[in-house]
Amino acid sequence: VKGAAAQRPIDELMGFVAHVIRLESGSIEPDEAVLNRVLVDLK
């Protein structure tokens, strides 16, 4: 089902995910880097 979920809850969840990754990585980079390169390197 296309567009079944609104964007706002998705943005809020991904902001939280970036927050958790920062808690562990110590990164202060923007969300895009934290959610991708920073997590890849950390894992």
Full PDB file with SEQRES, HELIX, SHEET, SSBOND, CRYST1, ORIGX, SCALE, CONECT and MASTER records, all heavy atoms in Angstrom:
SEQRES   1 A   43  VAL LYS GLY ALA ALA ALA GLN ARG PRO ILE ASP GLU LEU          
SEQRES   2 A   43  MET GLY PHE VAL ALA HIS VAL ILE ARG LEU GLU SER GLY          
SEQRES   3 A   43  SER ILE GLU PRO ASP GLU ALA VAL LEU ASN ARG VAL LEU          
SEQRES   4 A   43  VAL ASP LEU LYS                                              
HELIX    1 AA1 GLN A    7  SER A   25  1                                  19    
HELIX    2 AA2 ASP A   31  ALA A   33  1                                   3    
HELIX    3 AA3 VAL A   34  VAL A   38  3                                   5    
HELIX    4 AA4 LEU A   39  LEU A   42  1                                   4    
CRYST1    1.000    1.000    1.000  90.00  90.00  90.00 P 1           1          
ORIGX1      1.000000  0.000000  0.000000        0.00000                         
ORIGX2      0.000000  1.000000  0.000000        0.00000                         
ORIGX3      0.000000  0.000000  1.000000        0.00000                         
SCALE1      1.000000  0.000000  0.000000        0.00000                         
SCALE2      0.000000  1.000000  0.000000        0.00000                         
SCALE3      0.000000  0.000000  1.000000        0.00000                         
ATOM      1  N   VAL A   1       0.864  -1.180   0.000  1.00  0.00           N  
ATOM      2  CA  VAL A   1       0.000   0.000   0.000  1.00  0.00           C  
ATOM      3  C   VAL A   1       0.899   1.228   0.000  1.00  0.00           C  
ATOM      4  O   VAL A   1       1.637   1.481   0.955  1.00  0.00           O  
ATOM      5  CB  VAL A   1      -0.941   0.015   1.219  1.00  0.00           C  
ATOM      6  CG1 VAL A   1      -1.853   1.244   1.161  1.00  0.00           C  
ATOM      7  CG2 VAL A   1      -1.774  -1.263   1.269  1.00  0.00           C  
ATOM      8  N   LYS A   2       0.854   1.980  -1.089  1.00  0.00           N  
ATOM      9  CA  LYS A   2       1.697   3.163  -1.231  1.00  0.00           C  
ATOM     10  C   LYS A   2       1.199   4.284  -0.317  1.00  0.00           C  
ATOM     11  O   LYS A   2       0.001   4.566  -0.250  1.00  0.00           O  
ATOM     12  CB  LYS A   2       1.701   3.634  -2.688  1.00  0.00           C  
ATOM     13  CG  LYS A   2       2.311   2.637  -3.662  1.00  0.00           C  
ATOM     14  CD  LYS A   2       3.795   2.461  -3.394  1.00  0.00           C  
ATOM     15  CE  LYS A   2       4.461   1.564  -4.409  1.00  0.00           C  
ATOM     16  NZ  LYS A   2       5.915   1.407  -4.147  1.00  0.00           N  
ATOM     17  N   GLY A   3       2.131   4.930   0.371  1.00  0.00           N  
ATOM     18  CA  GLY A   3       1.799   6.074   1.197  1.00  0.00           C  
ATOM     19  C   GLY A   3       0.855   5.770   2.343  1.00  0.00           C  
ATOM     20  O   GLY A   3       0.093   6.642   2.781  1.00  0.00           O  
ATOM     21  N   ALA A   4       0.922   4.552   2.863  1.00  0.00           N  
ATOM     22  CA  ALA A   4       0.001   4.160   3.942  1.00  0.00           C  
ATOM     23  C   ALA A   4       0.334   4.832   5.268  1.00  0.00           C  
ATOM     24  O   ALA A   4      -0.542   5.026   6.105  1.00  0.00           O  
ATOM     25  CB  ALA A   4       0.009   2.644   4.109  1.00  0.00           C  
ATOM     26  N   ALA A   5       1.600   5.171   5.482  1.00  0.00           N  
ATOM     27  CA  ALA A   5       2.035   5.776   6.746  1.00  0.00           C  
ATOM     28  C   ALA A   5       2.486   7.207   6.497  1.00  0.00           C  
ATOM     29  O   ALA A   5       3.156   7.492   5.488  1.00  0.00           O  
ATOM     30  CB  ALA A   5       3.164   4.960   7.370  1.00  0.00           C  
ATOM     31  N   ALA A   6       2.152   8.107   7.402  1.00  0.00           N  
ATOM     32  CA  ALA A   6       2.525   9.517   7.265  1.00  0.00           C  
ATOM     33  C   ALA A   6       4.027   9.698   7.481  1.00  0.00           C  
ATOM     34  O   ALA A   6       4.689   8.893   8.155  1.00  0.00           O  
ATOM     35  CB  ALA A   6       1.742  10.362   8.268  1.00  0.00           C  
ATOM     36  N   GLN A   7       4.570  10.776   6.920  1.00  0.00           N  
ATOM     37  CA  GLN A   7       6.007  11.023   6.997  1.00  0.00           C  
ATOM     38  C   GLN A   7       6.455  11.482   8.382  1.00  0.00           C  
ATOM     39  O   GLN A   7       7.558  11.167   8.823  1.00  0.00           O  
ATOM     40  CB  GLN A   7       6.406  12.067   5.954  1.00  0.00           C  
ATOM     41  CG  GLN A   7       7.904  12.269   5.805  1.00  0.00           C  
ATOM     42  CD  GLN A   7       8.624  11.013   5.316  1.00  0.00           C  
ATOM     43  OE1 GLN A   7       8.142  10.321   4.420  1.00  0.00           O  
ATOM     44  NE2 GLN A   7       9.772  10.714   5.912  1.00  0.00           N  
ATOM     45  N   ARG A   8       5.615  12.235   9.091  1.00  0.00           N  
ATOM     46  CA  ARG A   8       6.037  12.786  10.387  1.00  0.00           C  
ATOM     47  C   ARG A   8       6.478  11.711  11.378  1.00  0.00           C  
ATOM     48  O   ARG A   8       7.562  11.839  11.986  1.00  0.00           O  
ATOM     49  CB  ARG A   8       4.918  13.644  10.991  1.00  0.00           C  
ATOM     50  CG  ARG A   8       5.290  14.243  12.349  1.00  0.00           C  
ATOM     51  CD  ARG A   8       4.110  14.921  13.014  1.00  0.00           C  
ATOM     52  NE  ARG A   8       2.976  14.021  13.191  1.00  0.00           N  
ATOM     53  CZ  ARG A   8       2.880  13.115  14.169  1.00  0.00           C  
ATOM     54  NH1 ARG A   8       3.864  12.983  15.054  1.00  0.00           N  
ATOM     55  NH2 ARG A   8       1.824  12.334  14.266  1.00  0.00           N  
ATOM     56  N   PRO A   9       5.688  10.634  11.599  1.00  0.00           N  
ATOM     57  CA  PRO A   9       6.167   9.605  12.535  1.00  0.00           C  
ATOM     58  C   PRO A   9       7.464   8.943  12.075  1.00  0.00           C  
ATOM     59  O   PRO A   9       8.298   8.563  12.917  1.00  0.00           O  
ATOM     60  CB  PRO A   9       5.012   8.598  12.568  1.00  0.00           C  
ATOM     61  CG  PRO A   9       3.818   9.349  12.091  1.00  0.00           C  
ATOM     62  CD  PRO A   9       4.331  10.346  11.114  1.00  0.00           C  
ATOM     63  N   ILE A  10       7.648   8.836  10.771  1.00  0.00           N  
ATOM     64  CA  ILE A  10       8.887   8.253  10.251  1.00  0.00           C  
ATOM     65  C   ILE A  10      10.071   9.157  10.569  1.00  0.00           C  
ATOM     66  O   ILE A  10      11.120   8.694  11.046  1.00  0.00           O  
ATOM     67  CB  ILE A  10       8.771   8.002   8.733  1.00  0.00           C  
ATOM     68  CG1 ILE A  10       7.708   6.943   8.455  1.00  0.00           C  
ATOM     69  CG2 ILE A  10      10.117   7.590   8.137  1.00  0.00           C  
ATOM     70  CD1 ILE A  10       7.365   6.772   6.990  1.00  0.00           C  
ATOM     71  N   ASP A  11       9.905  10.452  10.319  1.00  0.00           N  
ATOM     72  CA  ASP A  11      10.982  11.405  10.619  1.00  0.00           C  
ATOM     73  C   ASP A  11      11.318  11.405  12.113  1.00  0.00           C  
ATOM     74  O   ASP A  11      12.497  11.460  12.493  1.00  0.00           O  
ATOM     75  CB  ASP A  11      10.572  12.809  10.184  1.00  0.00           C  
ATOM     76  CG  ASP A  11      10.493  12.961   8.671  1.00  0.00           C  
ATOM     77  OD1 ASP A  11      11.056  12.106   7.957  1.00  0.00           O  
ATOM     78  OD2 ASP A  11       9.840  13.921   8.211  1.00  0.00           O  
ATOM     79  N   GLU A  12      10.292  11.344  12.953  1.00  0.00           N  
ATOM     80  CA  GLU A  12      10.525  11.334  14.397  1.00  0.00           C  
ATOM     81  C   GLU A  12      11.269  10.072  14.829  1.00  0.00           C  
ATOM     82  O   GLU A  12      12.184  10.130  15.655  1.00  0.00           O  
ATOM     83  CB  GLU A  12       9.200  11.462  15.139  1.00  0.00           C  
ATOM     84  CG  GLU A  12       8.552  12.832  14.994  1.00  0.00           C  
ATOM     85  CD  GLU A  12       7.200  12.923  15.668  1.00  0.00           C  
ATOM     86  OE1 GLU A  12       6.679  11.869  16.112  1.00  0.00           O  
ATOM     87  OE2 GLU A  12       6.648  14.042  15.760  1.00  0.00           O  
ATOM     88  N   LEU A  13      10.878   8.929  14.262  1.00  0.00           N  
ATOM     89  CA  LEU A  13      11.561   7.680  14.618  1.00  0.00           C  
ATOM     90  C   LEU A  13      13.011   7.705  14.162  1.00  0.00           C  
ATOM     91  O   LEU A  13      13.917   7.328  14.922  1.00  0.00           O  
ATOM     92  CB  LEU A  13      10.827   6.491  13.997  1.00  0.00           C  
ATOM     93  CG  LEU A  13      11.482   5.129  14.245  1.00  0.00           C  
ATOM     94  CD1 LEU A  13      11.534   4.805  15.736  1.00  0.00           C  
ATOM     95  CD2 LEU A  13      10.743   4.022  13.491  1.00  0.00           C  
ATOM     96  N   MET A  14      13.270   8.168  12.941  1.00  0.00           N  
ATOM     97  CA  MET A  14      14.641   8.181  12.450  1.00  0.00           C  
ATOM     98  C   MET A  14      15.490   9.199  13.219  1.00  0.00           C  
ATOM     99  O   MET A  14      16.698   8.988  13.403  1.00  0.00           O  
ATOM    100  CB  MET A  14      14.660   8.480  10.952  1.00  0.00           C  
ATOM    101  CG  MET A  14      14.010   7.375  10.110  1.00  0.00           C  
ATOM    102  SD  MET A  14      14.658   5.721  10.480  1.00  0.00           S  
ATOM    103  CE  MET A  14      16.352   5.895   9.945  1.00  0.00           C  
ATOM    104  N   GLY A  15      14.877  10.281  13.681  1.00  0.00           N  
ATOM    105  CA  GLY A  15      15.604  11.209  14.551  1.00  0.00           C  
ATOM    106  C   GLY A  15      16.006  10.538  15.854  1.00  0.00           C  
ATOM    107  O   GLY A  15      17.119  10.748  16.363  1.00  0.00           O  
ATOM    108  N   PHE A  16      15.107   9.717  16.398  1.00  0.00           N  
ATOM    109  CA  PHE A  16      15.425   8.971  17.617  1.00  0.00           C  
ATOM    110  C   PHE A  16      16.534   7.952  17.360  1.00  0.00           C  
ATOM    111  O   PHE A  16      17.450   7.796  18.176  1.00  0.00           O  
ATOM    112  CB  PHE A  16      14.180   8.259  18.138  1.00  0.00           C  
ATOM    113  CG  PHE A  16      14.467   7.259  19.215  1.00  0.00           C  
ATOM    114  CD1 PHE A  16      14.792   7.671  20.502  1.00  0.00           C  
ATOM    115  CD2 PHE A  16      14.450   5.896  18.938  1.00  0.00           C  
ATOM    116  CE1 PHE A  16      15.093   6.744  21.493  1.00  0.00           C  
ATOM    117  CE2 PHE A  16      14.748   4.966  19.923  1.00  0.00           C  
ATOM    118  CZ  PHE A  16      15.071   5.395  21.212  1.00  0.00           C  
ATOM    119  N   VAL A  17      16.470   7.250  16.228  1.00  0.00           N  
ATOM    120  CA  VAL A  17      17.506   6.267  15.895  1.00  0.00           C  
ATOM    121  C   VAL A  17      18.873   6.947  15.812  1.00  0.00           C  
ATOM    122  O   VAL A  17      19.872   6.434  16.334  1.00  0.00           O  
ATOM    123  CB  VAL A  17      17.169   5.546  14.575  1.00  0.00           C  
ATOM    124  CG1 VAL A  17      18.333   4.671  14.107  1.00  0.00           C  
ATOM    125  CG2 VAL A  17      15.906   4.695  14.736  1.00  0.00           C  
ATOM    126  N   ALA A  18      18.923   8.111  15.184  1.00  0.00           N  
ATOM    127  CA  ALA A  18      20.184   8.860  15.117  1.00  0.00           C  
ATOM    128  C   ALA A  18      20.671   9.226  16.522  1.00  0.00           C  
ATOM    129  O   ALA A  18      21.874   9.164  16.813  1.00  0.00           O  
ATOM    130  CB  ALA A  18      20.000  10.113  14.259  1.00  0.00           C  
ATOM    131  N   HIS A  19      19.750   9.585  17.398  1.00  0.00           N  
ATOM    132  CA  HIS A  19      20.095   9.911  18.790  1.00  0.00           C  
ATOM    133  C   HIS A  19      20.740   8.712  19.485  1.00  0.00           C  
ATOM    134  O   HIS A  19      21.766   8.850  20.170  1.00  0.00           O  
ATOM    135  CB  HIS A  19      18.834  10.346  19.535  1.00  0.00           C  
ATOM    136  CG  HIS A  19      18.983  10.413  21.022  1.00  0.00           C  
ATOM    137  ND1 HIS A  19      19.719  11.387  21.666  1.00  0.00           N  
ATOM    138  CD2 HIS A  19      18.486   9.597  22.007  1.00  0.00           C  
ATOM    139  CE1 HIS A  19      19.678  11.177  22.967  1.00  0.00           C  
ATOM    140  NE2 HIS A  19      18.942  10.104  23.208  1.00  0.00           N  
ATOM    141  N   VAL A  20      20.160   7.516  19.312  1.00  0.00           N  
ATOM    142  CA  VAL A  20      20.713   6.316  19.962  1.00  0.00           C  
ATOM    143  C   VAL A  20      22.093   5.991  19.406  1.00  0.00           C  
ATOM    144  O   VAL A  20      23.012   5.619  20.159  1.00  0.00           O  
ATOM    145  CB  VAL A  20      19.747   5.123  19.787  1.00  0.00           C  
ATOM    146  CG1 VAL A  20      20.365   3.842  20.350  1.00  0.00           C  
ATOM    147  CG2 VAL A  20      18.418   5.404  20.471  1.00  0.00           C  
ATOM    148  N   ILE A  21      22.267   6.126  18.091  1.00  0.00           N  
ATOM    149  CA  ILE A  21      23.588   5.866  17.500  1.00  0.00           C  
ATOM    150  C   ILE A  21      24.616   6.857  18.063  1.00  0.00           C  
ATOM    151  O   ILE A  21      25.756   6.483  18.360  1.00  0.00           O  
ATOM    152  CB  ILE A  21      23.518   5.961  15.965  1.00  0.00           C  
ATOM    153  CG1 ILE A  21      22.602   4.868  15.413  1.00  0.00           C  
ATOM    154  CG2 ILE A  21      24.916   5.823  15.351  1.00  0.00           C  
ATOM    155  CD1 ILE A  21      22.284   5.007  13.935  1.00  0.00           C  
ATOM    156  N   ARG A  22      24.212   8.111  18.250  1.00  0.00           N  
ATOM    157  CA  ARG A  22      25.133   9.104  18.830  1.00  0.00           C  
ATOM    158  C   ARG A  22      25.501   8.751  20.270  1.00  0.00           C  
ATOM    159  O   ARG A  22      26.645   8.974  20.702  1.00  0.00           O  
ATOM    160  CB  ARG A  22      24.510  10.492  18.789  1.00  0.00           C  
ATOM    161  CG  ARG A  22      24.480  11.126  17.410  1.00  0.00           C  
ATOM    162  CD  ARG A  22      24.112  12.605  17.489  1.00  0.00           C  
ATOM    163  NE  ARG A  22      24.096  13.193  16.161  1.00  0.00           N  
ATOM    164  CZ  ARG A  22      22.993  13.308  15.412  1.00  0.00           C  
ATOM    165  NH1 ARG A  22      21.828  12.885  15.896  1.00  0.00           N  
ATOM    166  NH2 ARG A  22      23.055  13.848  14.213  1.00  0.00           N  
ATOM    167  N   LEU A  23      24.539   8.231  21.033  1.00  0.00           N  
ATOM    168  CA  LEU A  23      24.839   7.846  22.412  1.00  0.00           C  
ATOM    169  C   LEU A  23      25.982   6.836  22.459  1.00  0.00           C  
ATOM    170  O   LEU A  23      26.802   6.853  23.394  1.00  0.00           O  
ATOM    171  CB  LEU A  23      23.600   7.240  23.074  1.00  0.00           C  
ATOM    172  CG  LEU A  23      22.441   8.179  23.404  1.00  0.00           C  
ATOM    173  CD1 LEU A  23      21.280   7.387  24.007  1.00  0.00           C  
ATOM    174  CD2 LEU A  23      22.882   9.287  24.363  1.00  0.00           C  
ATOM    175  N   GLU A  24      26.028   5.955  21.464  1.00  0.00           N  
ATOM    176  CA  GLU A  24      27.059   4.902  21.463  1.00  0.00           C  
ATOM    177  C   GLU A  24      28.317   5.324  20.729  1.00  0.00           C  
ATOM    178  O   GLU A  24      29.422   4.950  21.126  1.00  0.00           O  
ATOM    179  CB  GLU A  24      26.490   3.626  20.841  1.00  0.00           C  
ATOM    180  CG  GLU A  24      27.421   2.423  20.900  1.00  0.00           C  
ATOM    181  CD  GLU A  24      27.731   1.955  22.317  1.00  0.00           C  
ATOM    182  OE1 GLU A  24      27.117   2.457  23.285  1.00  0.00           O  
ATOM    183  OE2 GLU A  24      28.612   1.088  22.475  1.00  0.00           O  
ATOM    184  N   SER A  25      28.174   6.084  19.648  1.00  0.00           N  
ATOM    185  CA  SER A  25      29.331   6.422  18.819  1.00  0.00           C  
ATOM    186  C   SER A  25      30.049   7.684  19.271  1.00  0.00           C  
ATOM    187  O   SER A  25      31.239   7.859  18.981  1.00  0.00           O  
ATOM    188  CB  SER A  25      28.885   6.615  17.364  1.00  0.00           C  
ATOM    189  OG  SER A  25      28.062   7.765  17.237  1.00  0.00           O  
ATOM    190  N   GLY A  26      29.329   8.582  19.937  1.00  0.00           N  
ATOM    191  CA  GLY A  26      29.911   9.861  20.299  1.00  0.00           C  
ATOM    192  C   GLY A  26      29.979  10.846  19.144  1.00  0.00           C  
ATOM    193  O   GLY A  26      30.527  11.945  19.285  1.00  0.00           O  
ATOM    194  N   SER A  27      29.396  10.489  18.005  1.00  0.00           N  
ATOM    195  CA  SER A  27      29.474  11.340  16.824  1.00  0.00           C  
ATOM    196  C   SER A  27      28.636  12.606  17.000  1.00  0.00           C  
ATOM    197  O   SER A  27      27.563  12.584  17.614  1.00  0.00           O  
ATOM    198  CB  SER A  27      28.972  10.575  15.595  1.00  0.00           C  
ATOM    199  OG  SER A  27      28.933  11.422  14.465  1.00  0.00           O  
ATOM    200  N   ILE A  28      29.143  13.709  16.438  1.00  0.00           N  
ATOM    201  CA  ILE A  28      28.389  14.963  16.416  1.00  0.00           C  
ATOM    202  C   ILE A  28      28.063  15.349  14.968  1.00  0.00           C  
ATOM    203  O   ILE A  28      27.683  16.490  14.697  1.00  0.00           O  
ATOM    204  CB  ILE A  28      29.157  16.098  17.120  1.00  0.00           C  
ATOM    205  CG1 ILE A  28      30.527  16.318  16.467  1.00  0.00           C  
ATOM    206  CG2 ILE A  28      29.304  15.793  18.606  1.00  0.00           C  
ATOM    207  CD1 ILE A  28      31.273  17.537  16.984  1.00  0.00           C  
ATOM    208  N   GLU A  29      28.198  14.405  14.059  1.00  0.00           N  
ATOM    209  CA  GLU A  29      27.931  14.681  12.646  1.00  0.00           C  
ATOM    210  C   GLU A  29      26.427  14.760  12.394  1.00  0.00           C  
ATOM    211  O   GLU A  29      25.607  14.352  13.226  1.00  0.00           O  
ATOM    212  CB  GLU A  29      28.562  13.583  11.786  1.00  0.00           C  
ATOM    213  CG  GLU A  29      30.073  13.534  11.869  1.00  0.00           C  
ATOM    214  CD  GLU A  29      30.674  12.512  10.925  1.00  0.00           C  
ATOM    215  OE1 GLU A  29      30.509  12.672   9.702  1.00  0.00           O  
ATOM    216  OE2 GLU A  29      31.284  11.538  11.418  1.00  0.00           O  
ATOM    217  N   PRO A  30      26.027  15.272  11.217  1.00  0.00           N  
ATOM    218  CA  PRO A  30      24.601  15.363  10.880  1.00  0.00           C  
ATOM    219  C   PRO A  30      23.950  13.983  10.807  1.00  0.00           C  
ATOM    220  O   PRO A  30      24.629  12.956  10.659  1.00  0.00           O  
ATOM    221  CB  PRO A  30      24.606  16.043   9.503  1.00  0.00           C  
ATOM    222  CG  PRO A  30      25.921  16.751   9.430  1.00  0.00           C  
ATOM    223  CD  PRO A  30      26.880  15.914  10.217  1.00  0.00           C  
ATOM    224  N   ASP A  31      22.620  13.969  10.898  1.00  0.00           N  
ATOM    225  CA  ASP A  31      21.865  12.707  10.912  1.00  0.00           C  
ATOM    226  C   ASP A  31      22.213  11.804   9.733  1.00  0.00           C  
ATOM    227  O   ASP A  31      22.350  10.592   9.890  1.00  0.00           O  
ATOM    228  CB  ASP A  31      20.360  12.988  10.903  1.00  0.00           C  
ATOM    229  CG  ASP A  31      19.844  13.411  12.266  1.00  0.00           C  
ATOM    230  OD1 ASP A  31      20.664  13.584  13.188  1.00  0.00           O  
ATOM    231  OD2 ASP A  31      18.611  13.562  12.410  1.00  0.00           O  
ATOM    232  N   GLU A  32      22.322  12.374   8.534  1.00  0.00           N  
ATOM    233  CA  GLU A  32      22.583  11.559   7.339  1.00  0.00           C  
ATOM    234  C   GLU A  32      23.858  10.742   7.502  1.00  0.00           C  
ATOM    235  O   GLU A  32      23.905   9.555   7.178  1.00  0.00           O  
ATOM    236  CB  GLU A  32      22.671  12.456   6.105  1.00  0.00           C  
ATOM    237  CG  GLU A  32      22.951  11.725   4.801  1.00  0.00           C  
ATOM    238  CD  GLU A  32      21.815  10.835   4.338  1.00  0.00           C  
ATOM    239  OE1 GLU A  32      20.665  11.039   4.794  1.00  0.00           O  
ATOM    240  OE2 GLU A  32      22.073   9.925   3.520  1.00  0.00           O  
ATOM    241  N   ALA A  33      24.902  11.360   8.013  1.00  0.00           N  
ATOM    242  CA  ALA A  33      26.162  10.646   8.226  1.00  0.00           C  
ATOM    243  C   ALA A  33      26.036   9.637   9.359  1.00  0.00           C  
ATOM    244  O   ALA A  33      26.530   8.504   9.268  1.00  0.00           O  
ATOM    245  CB  ALA A  33      27.285  11.635   8.525  1.00  0.00           C  
ATOM    246  N   VAL A  34      25.355  10.026  10.437  1.00  0.00           N  
ATOM    247  CA  VAL A  34      25.211   9.144  11.595  1.00  0.00           C  
ATOM    248  C   VAL A  34      24.429   7.888  11.226  1.00  0.00           C  
ATOM    249  O   VAL A  34      24.794   6.771  11.620  1.00  0.00           O  
ATOM    250  CB  VAL A  34      24.520   9.895  12.755  1.00  0.00           C  
ATOM    251  CG1 VAL A  34      24.114   8.935  13.866  1.00  0.00           C  
ATOM    252  CG2 VAL A  34      25.453  10.968  13.312  1.00  0.00           C  
ATOM    253  N   LEU A  35      23.352   8.057  10.476  1.00  0.00           N  
ATOM    254  CA  LEU A  35      22.488   6.923  10.123  1.00  0.00           C  
ATOM    255  C   LEU A  35      23.113   5.995   9.096  1.00  0.00           C  
ATOM    256  O   LEU A  35      22.635   4.869   8.920  1.00  0.00           O  
ATOM    257  CB  LEU A  35      21.149   7.443   9.588  1.00  0.00           C  
ATOM    258  CG  LEU A  35      20.243   8.131  10.603  1.00  0.00           C  
ATOM    259  CD1 LEU A  35      19.104   8.864   9.904  1.00  0.00           C  
ATOM    260  CD2 LEU A  35      19.694   7.122  11.608  1.00  0.00           C  
ATOM    261  N   ASN A  36      24.166   6.443   8.450  1.00  0.00           N  
ATOM    262  CA  ASN A  36      24.789   5.623   7.417  1.00  0.00           C  
ATOM    263  C   ASN A  36      26.258   5.332   7.755  1.00  0.00           C  
ATOM    264  O   ASN A  36      26.554   4.338   8.393  1.00  0.00           O  
ATOM    265  CB  ASN A  36      24.634   6.308   6.052  1.00  0.00           C  
ATOM    266  CG  ASN A  36      23.179   6.298   5.584  1.00  0.00           C  
ATOM    267  OD1 ASN A  36      22.675   5.275   5.136  1.00  0.00           O  
ATOM    268  ND2 ASN A  36      22.493   7.433   5.696  1.00  0.00           N  
ATOM    269  N   ARG A  37      27.168   6.198   7.388  1.00  0.00           N  
ATOM    270  CA  ARG A  37      28.585   5.891   7.540  1.00  0.00           C  
ATOM    271  C   ARG A  37      28.988   5.622   8.978  1.00  0.00           C  
ATOM    272  O   ARG A  37      29.736   4.667   9.263  1.00  0.00           O  
ATOM    273  CB  ARG A  37      29.437   7.030   6.960  1.00  0.00           C  
ATOM    274  CG  ARG A  37      30.945   6.785   7.097  1.00  0.00           C  
ATOM    275  CD  ARG A  37      31.740   7.937   6.521  1.00  0.00           C  
ATOM    276  NE  ARG A  37      31.282   9.232   6.992  1.00  0.00           N  
ATOM    277  CZ  ARG A  37      31.573   9.719   8.207  1.00  0.00           C  
ATOM    278  NH1 ARG A  37      32.288   9.004   9.075  1.00  0.00           N  
ATOM    279  NH2 ARG A  37      31.143  10.922   8.563  1.00  0.00           N  
ATOM    280  N   VAL A  38      28.506   6.430   9.920  1.00  0.00           N  
ATOM    281  CA  VAL A  38      28.900   6.252  11.326  1.00  0.00           C  
ATOM    282  C   VAL A  38      28.440   4.890  11.838  1.00  0.00           C  
ATOM    283  O   VAL A  38      29.203   4.176  12.499  1.00  0.00           O  
ATOM    284  CB  VAL A  38      28.334   7.394  12.195  1.00  0.00           C  
ATOM    285  CG1 VAL A  38      28.547   7.093  13.677  1.00  0.00           C  
ATOM    286  CG2 VAL A  38      28.999   8.718  11.828  1.00  0.00           C  
ATOM    287  N   LEU A  39      27.189   4.513  11.537  1.00  0.00           N  
ATOM    288  CA  LEU A  39      26.701   3.210  11.993  1.00  0.00           C  
ATOM    289  C   LEU A  39      27.455   2.073  11.324  1.00  0.00           C  
ATOM    290  O   LEU A  39      27.794   1.070  11.973  1.00  0.00           O  
ATOM    291  CB  LEU A  39      25.206   3.081  11.720  1.00  0.00           C  
ATOM    292  CG  LEU A  39      24.599   1.734  12.123  1.00  0.00           C  
ATOM    293  CD1 LEU A  39      24.728   1.493  13.632  1.00  0.00           C  
ATOM    294  CD2 LEU A  39      23.139   1.633  11.698  1.00  0.00           C  
ATOM    295  N   VAL A  40      27.722   2.192  10.031  1.00  0.00           N  
ATOM    296  CA  VAL A  40      28.469   1.147   9.320  1.00  0.00           C  
ATOM    297  C   VAL A  40      29.834   0.939   9.969  1.00  0.00           C  
ATOM    298  O   VAL A  40      30.247  -0.190  10.261  1.00  0.00           O  
ATOM    299  CB  VAL A  40      28.626   1.510   7.828  1.00  0.00           C  
ATOM    300  CG1 VAL A  40      29.588   0.541   7.143  1.00  0.00           C  
ATOM    301  CG2 VAL A  40      27.274   1.477   7.128  1.00  0.00           C  
ATOM    302  N   ASP A  41      30.551   2.030  10.208  1.00  0.00           N  
ATOM    303  CA  ASP A  41      31.886   1.921  10.818  1.00  0.00           C  
ATOM    304  C   ASP A  41      31.799   1.327  12.219  1.00  0.00           C  
ATOM    305  O   ASP A  41      32.633   0.496  12.609  1.00  0.00           O  
ATOM    306  CB  ASP A  41      32.548   3.307  10.880  1.00  0.00           C  
ATOM    307  CG  ASP A  41      32.916   3.850   9.505  1.00  0.00           C  
ATOM    308  OD1 ASP A  41      32.922   3.056   8.539  1.00  0.00           O  
ATOM    309  OD2 ASP A  41      33.183   5.064   9.403  1.00  0.00           O  
ATOM    310  N   LEU A  42      30.786   1.740  12.981  1.00  0.00           N  
ATOM    311  CA  LEU A  42      30.647   1.250  14.354  1.00  0.00           C  
ATOM    312  C   LEU A  42      30.321  -0.237  14.377  1.00  0.00           C  
ATOM    313  O   LEU A  42      30.896  -0.998  15.164  1.00  0.00           O  
ATOM    314  CB  LEU A  42      29.561   2.042  15.069  1.00  0.00           C  
ATOM    315  CG  LEU A  42      29.340   1.727  16.552  1.00  0.00           C  
ATOM    316  CD1 LEU A  42      30.588   2.076  17.348  1.00  0.00           C  
ATOM    317  CD2 LEU A  42      28.134   2.488  17.087  1.00  0.00           C  
ATOM    318  N   LYS A  43      29.424  -0.676  13.508  1.00  0.00           N  
ATOM    319  CA  LYS A  43      29.038  -2.092  13.488  1.00  0.00           C  
ATOM    320  C   LYS A  43      30.224  -2.972  13.096  1.00  0.00           C  
ATOM    321  O   LYS A  43      30.390  -4.070  13.623  1.00  0.00           O  
ATOM    322  CB  LYS A  43      27.882  -2.316  12.523  1.00  0.00           C  
ATOM    323  CG  LYS A  43      27.346  -3.742  12.513  1.00  0.00           C  
ATOM    324  CD  LYS A  43      26.103  -3.871  11.659  1.00  0.00           C  
ATOM    325  CE  LYS A  43      25.621  -5.316  11.548  1.00  0.00           C  
ATOM    326  NZ  LYS A  43      25.153  -5.862  12.825  1.00  0.00           N  
TER     327      LYS A  43                                                      
MASTER        0    0    0    4    0    0    0    6  326    1    0    4          
END                                                                             
